[in-house]
Amino acid sequence: MAVALLNRHLRVVGSLMMREVITRFGREGLGFAWLIGEPLLFCFGVMGLWSLTKPAYEHGVRLAPFVMTAYMSLILCRHLIGFLAGALQANMGLLYHRQITPLHIFTARIVMELGGATAAFAAVYAVLFALGEVDLPSDYLLLYSGWFILAWVAAGFALVLAGLAMRFDVFERFIGLISYLLIPLSGAFAMVAWAPPSLQKYILYIPFVHPIEMIRSAVFGEFVETHYSAAYAIAWGTVFNIIGLALVLSSRDKIETE
């Protein structure tokens, strides 16, 4: 019984993902490849601009791998927040079908954005490695753990914002602002070790900082100072996901289907 129920939910999520790919990217041109191509272009664009204005090394860290870890982490967070915020509005008519719930729609978008960002990160890493700009990770487990913990925290935070937007229409207007605030607050473009010691403990209160530092520790190696706690980030991600799911599920009656 449980297996059959799980298979039904997986089929619904899979169907929603295929529909999302077609409606967002179309059947012609790059199609689904654009889910990977878009962050690739932006990441290499930022690298090109930074290479013209900044030195090859900053605080002992090479420019290319630093921008890679920064921008790809930020893309993962902002895409999850941005695309989950508008998930229901873009698929409102589907909620007319009783077997489809808001949770199915959110799950489909989370899996899509995580898959696209992960593939883009792997592609950027492969290109930079081929160009000799970055070495192989010093700790693969730490790299994977940091990336998926970041996704866990970002998805939970996105669900909280989406749930609040479902309950309070005015809150939807603040999601874009919150997404932009993540640029300085996430620690994507500055490492904890670069901050004065008196500020570091306050920076480490932000859960997004920890998985990004984990990713950098794996990419840069043991000779670059990093600060993180995987348990702290996982705990915050769990809290975010529980609150987000509770908000989404409790707001189902506030949605008007077409």
Protein backbone atom coordinates (compact mmCIF):
# COMPACT_ATOMS: atom_id res chain seq x y z
CA MET A 1 0.00 0.00 0.00
CA ALA A 2 2.74 2.42 0.98
CA VAL A 3 4.77 1.52 -2.11
CA ALA A 4 1.79 2.07 -4.39
CA LEU A 5 1.12 5.46 -2.77
CA LEU A 6 4.77 6.46 -3.17
CA ASN A 7 4.76 5.41 -6.83
CA ARG A 8 1.63 7.50 -7.44
CA HIS A 9 3.25 10.57 -5.93
CA LEU A 10 6.42 9.99 -7.95
CA ARG A 11 4.42 9.71 -11.17
CA VAL A 12 2.64 12.98 -10.40
CA VAL A 13 5.94 14.77 -9.69
CA GLY A 14 7.54 13.27 -12.80
CA SER A 15 4.64 14.40 -14.98
CA LEU A 16 4.79 17.90 -13.52
CA MET A 17 8.52 18.06 -14.23
CA MET A 18 8.02 17.07 -17.87
CA ARG A 19 5.25 19.65 -18.21
CA GLU A 20 7.47 22.29 -16.61
CA VAL A 21 10.28 21.59 -19.06
CA ILE A 22 7.96 21.94 -22.05
CA THR A 23 6.15 25.07 -20.84
CA ARG A 24 9.30 26.86 -19.69
CA PHE A 25 11.76 25.87 -22.41
CA GLY A 26 9.59 24.68 -25.30
CA ARG A 27 10.07 21.75 -27.62
CA GLU A 28 12.54 23.45 -29.97
CA GLY A 29 15.96 25.05 -29.62
CA LEU A 30 18.06 24.18 -26.60
CA GLY A 31 15.04 23.10 -24.57
CA PHE A 32 16.00 21.47 -21.27
CA ALA A 33 19.68 22.19 -21.99
CA TRP A 34 18.95 25.85 -21.29
CA LEU A 35 18.33 24.91 -17.63
CA ILE A 36 22.05 24.12 -17.55
CA GLY A 37 23.18 26.62 -20.20
CA GLU A 38 21.77 29.71 -18.47
CA PRO A 39 23.79 29.42 -15.24
CA LEU A 40 26.84 28.38 -17.30
CA LEU A 41 26.71 31.58 -19.36
CA PHE A 42 26.18 33.78 -16.32
CA CYS A 43 28.97 32.11 -14.35
CA PHE A 44 31.54 32.44 -17.14
CA GLY A 45 30.33 35.99 -17.80
CA VAL A 46 30.99 36.97 -14.19
CA MET A 47 34.39 35.27 -14.33
CA GLY A 48 35.27 37.26 -17.44
CA LEU A 49 34.27 40.59 -15.88
CA TRP A 50 36.05 39.85 -12.62
CA SER A 51 39.22 38.82 -14.45
CA LEU A 52 39.34 42.31 -16.00
CA THR A 53 38.93 44.16 -12.72
CA LYS A 54 40.51 41.92 -10.07
CA PRO A 55 43.88 40.21 -9.60
CA ALA A 56 44.33 36.52 -10.34
CA TYR A 57 44.61 35.82 -6.60
CA GLU A 58 42.75 37.43 -3.73
CA HIS A 59 43.52 36.53 -0.10
CA GLY A 60 45.55 33.63 -1.48
CA VAL A 61 42.59 32.19 -3.41
CA ARG A 62 42.49 31.91 -7.21
CA LEU A 63 39.85 34.02 -8.90
CA ALA A 64 38.20 31.38 -11.14
CA PRO A 65 37.42 28.73 -8.50
CA PHE A 66 36.31 31.42 -6.06
CA VAL A 67 33.82 32.86 -8.57
CA MET A 68 32.70 29.33 -9.47
CA THR A 69 31.89 28.38 -5.87
CA ALA A 70 30.32 31.77 -5.21
CA TYR A 71 28.13 32.12 -8.25
CA MET A 72 26.98 28.52 -8.55
CA SER A 73 26.02 28.46 -4.85
CA LEU A 74 24.14 31.72 -5.26
CA ILE A 75 22.37 30.46 -8.39
CA LEU A 76 21.15 27.38 -6.53
CA CYS A 77 19.72 29.49 -3.69
CA ARG A 78 18.16 32.22 -5.81
CA HIS A 79 16.65 29.85 -8.36
CA LEU A 80 15.02 27.78 -5.65
CA ILE A 81 13.59 30.89 -4.00
CA GLY A 82 12.55 32.59 -7.22
CA PHE A 83 10.96 29.63 -8.98
CA LEU A 84 9.20 28.30 -5.89
CA ALA A 85 7.70 31.71 -5.20
CA GLY A 86 5.84 31.71 -8.52
CA ALA A 87 5.19 27.98 -8.71
CA LEU A 88 1.52 28.05 -7.75
CA GLN A 89 0.64 31.08 -9.85
CA ALA A 90 2.08 29.38 -12.94
CA ASN A 91 0.26 26.11 -12.25
CA MET A 92 -2.94 27.27 -10.55
CA GLY A 93 -5.20 25.49 -13.03
CA LEU A 94 -3.58 22.13 -12.22
CA LEU A 95 -4.86 22.30 -8.66
CA TYR A 96 -8.35 21.68 -10.05
CA HIS A 97 -7.26 18.03 -10.24
CA ARG A 98 -7.59 16.57 -6.75
CA GLN A 99 -4.60 14.24 -7.13
CA ILE A 100 -2.28 17.25 -7.60
CA THR A 101 -1.37 19.25 -4.51
CA PRO A 102 0.82 22.34 -3.97
CA LEU A 103 3.43 20.03 -2.46
CA HIS A 104 3.69 18.11 -5.74
CA ILE A 105 4.25 21.36 -7.63
CA PHE A 106 6.90 22.57 -5.20
CA THR A 107 8.66 19.19 -5.19
CA ALA A 108 8.82 19.12 -8.99
CA ARG A 109 10.40 22.57 -9.11
CA ILE A 110 12.87 21.79 -6.33
CA VAL A 111 14.07 18.65 -8.12
CA MET A 112 14.31 20.50 -11.44
CA GLU A 113 16.29 23.45 -10.09
CA LEU A 114 18.58 21.24 -8.02
CA GLY A 115 19.23 18.97 -11.01
CA GLY A 116 19.91 21.87 -13.36
CA ALA A 117 22.20 23.71 -10.93
CA THR A 118 24.09 20.51 -10.09
CA ALA A 119 24.68 19.70 -13.76
CA ALA A 120 25.78 23.30 -14.42
CA PHE A 121 28.18 23.20 -11.46
CA ALA A 122 29.69 19.94 -12.75
CA ALA A 123 30.03 21.41 -16.25
CA VAL A 124 31.71 24.61 -15.00
CA TYR A 125 34.05 22.56 -12.82
CA ALA A 126 34.98 20.29 -15.75
CA VAL A 127 35.74 23.24 -18.04
CA LEU A 128 37.87 25.03 -15.44
CA PHE A 129 39.71 21.80 -14.66
CA ALA A 130 40.44 21.28 -18.36
CA LEU A 131 41.80 24.86 -18.52
CA GLY A 132 44.01 24.27 -15.50
CA GLU A 133 42.19 26.87 -13.41
CA VAL A 134 41.09 24.50 -10.66
CA ASP A 135 42.33 21.22 -9.19
CA LEU A 136 40.25 18.17 -8.37
CA PRO A 137 38.40 18.45 -5.04
CA SER A 138 40.49 17.56 -2.02
CA ASP A 139 37.46 15.94 -0.38
CA TYR A 140 34.62 14.71 -2.60
CA LEU A 141 32.37 13.80 0.32
CA LEU A 142 32.72 17.29 1.77
CA LEU A 143 31.94 18.84 -1.62
CA TYR A 144 28.79 16.74 -2.14
CA SER A 145 27.71 17.25 1.46
CA GLY A 146 28.11 21.02 1.26
CA TRP A 147 26.22 21.24 -2.02
CA PHE A 148 23.24 19.17 -0.91
CA ILE A 149 23.12 20.75 2.54
CA LEU A 150 22.98 24.12 0.80
CA ALA A 151 20.09 22.82 -1.31
CA TRP A 152 18.37 21.53 1.85
CA VAL A 153 18.64 24.92 3.56
CA ALA A 154 17.67 26.90 0.45
CA ALA A 155 14.68 24.67 -0.37
CA GLY A 156 13.39 24.93 3.20
CA PHE A 157 13.83 28.70 3.23
CA ALA A 158 12.08 28.92 -0.15
CA LEU A 159 9.15 26.86 1.16
CA VAL A 160 8.81 29.21 4.14
CA LEU A 161 8.68 32.23 1.82
CA ALA A 162 6.25 30.49 -0.54
CA GLY A 163 4.03 29.46 2.37
CA LEU A 164 3.95 33.01 3.72
CA ALA A 165 3.12 34.31 0.25
CA MET A 166 0.21 31.84 0.07
CA ARG A 167 -1.18 33.21 3.33
CA PHE A 168 -0.39 36.90 2.82
CA ASP A 169 -0.56 38.24 -0.74
CA VAL A 170 1.51 41.31 0.10
CA PHE A 171 4.43 39.14 1.21
CA GLU A 172 5.00 37.99 -2.36
CA ARG A 173 6.30 41.47 -3.18
CA PHE A 174 9.14 41.07 -0.69
CA ILE A 175 10.47 37.76 -2.01
CA GLY A 176 12.50 39.45 -4.75
CA LEU A 177 14.06 41.79 -2.20
CA ILE A 178 14.89 38.90 0.12
CA SER A 179 16.48 37.06 -2.79
CA TYR A 180 18.75 40.06 -3.49
CA LEU A 181 19.67 40.34 0.19
CA LEU A 182 21.06 36.80 -0.04
CA ILE A 183 23.90 38.11 -2.23
CA PRO A 184 25.73 39.82 0.65
CA LEU A 185 24.28 37.75 3.51
CA SER A 186 24.94 34.26 2.13
CA GLY A 187 28.70 34.68 2.20
CA ALA A 188 28.90 33.72 -1.46
CA PHE A 189 31.29 36.54 -2.42
CA ALA A 190 33.33 36.72 0.79
CA MET A 191 34.82 34.06 3.01
CA VAL A 192 34.37 34.02 6.77
CA ALA A 193 38.13 34.15 7.32
CA TRP A 194 38.29 37.48 5.50
CA ALA A 195 36.10 39.17 8.10
CA PRO A 196 37.47 40.58 11.38
CA PRO A 197 37.48 37.96 14.17
CA SER A 198 34.94 40.01 16.11
CA LEU A 199 32.42 39.68 13.25
CA GLN A 200 33.01 36.05 12.31
CA LYS A 201 30.81 34.59 15.06
CA TYR A 202 27.91 36.75 13.90
CA ILE A 203 28.41 35.78 10.26
CA LEU A 204 28.31 32.11 11.26
CA TYR A 205 24.80 32.57 12.64
CA ILE A 206 23.63 32.66 9.00
CA PRO A 207 22.93 29.03 7.95
CA PHE A 208 23.72 29.60 4.25
CA VAL A 209 27.33 30.47 5.08
CA HIS A 210 28.21 27.01 6.42
CA PRO A 211 27.55 24.82 3.34
CA ILE A 212 29.22 27.38 1.07
CA GLU A 213 32.30 27.26 3.30
CA MET A 214 32.15 23.45 3.11
CA ILE A 215 32.15 23.58 -0.68
CA ARG A 216 35.13 25.95 -0.66
CA SER A 217 37.02 23.81 1.82
CA ALA A 218 36.66 20.85 -0.55
CA VAL A 219 37.65 22.87 -3.63
CA PHE A 220 40.48 24.98 -2.17
CA GLY A 221 42.01 22.35 0.09
CA GLU A 222 43.29 22.38 3.65
CA PHE A 223 45.65 25.32 3.14
CA VAL A 224 42.75 27.80 2.84
CA GLU A 225 41.08 28.70 6.14
CA THR A 226 37.36 27.91 6.30
CA HIS A 227 34.77 27.95 9.08
CA TYR A 228 31.63 25.79 9.10
CA SER A 229 29.37 23.45 11.02
CA ALA A 230 27.45 20.93 8.94
CA ALA A 231 25.20 20.05 11.89
CA TYR A 232 24.20 23.69 12.39
CA ALA A 233 23.22 24.09 8.72
CA ILE A 234 21.33 20.79 8.65
CA ALA A 235 19.42 21.77 11.79
CA TRP A 236 18.38 25.11 10.31
CA GLY A 237 17.43 23.43 7.03
CA THR A 238 15.25 20.96 8.93
CA VAL A 239 13.53 23.78 10.81
CA PHE A 240 12.96 25.70 7.58
CA ASN A 241 11.51 22.64 5.83
CA ILE A 242 9.18 21.74 8.71
CA ILE A 243 7.87 25.31 8.98
CA GLY A 244 7.63 25.65 5.21
CA LEU A 245 5.70 22.41 4.78
CA ALA A 246 3.37 23.36 7.62
CA LEU A 247 2.68 26.75 6.03
CA VAL A 248 2.08 25.25 2.58
CA LEU A 249 -0.20 22.47 3.80
CA SER A 250 -2.18 24.77 6.11
CA SER A 251 -2.70 27.34 3.35
CA ARG A 252 -4.29 24.91 0.85
CA ASP A 253 -7.77 26.30 1.54
CA LYS A 254 -6.65 29.84 0.70
CA ILE A 255 -5.91 28.93 -2.93
CA GLU A 256 -8.58 29.63 -5.51
CA THR A 257 -8.39 27.15 -8.37
CA GLU A 258 -9.49 28.04 -11.85
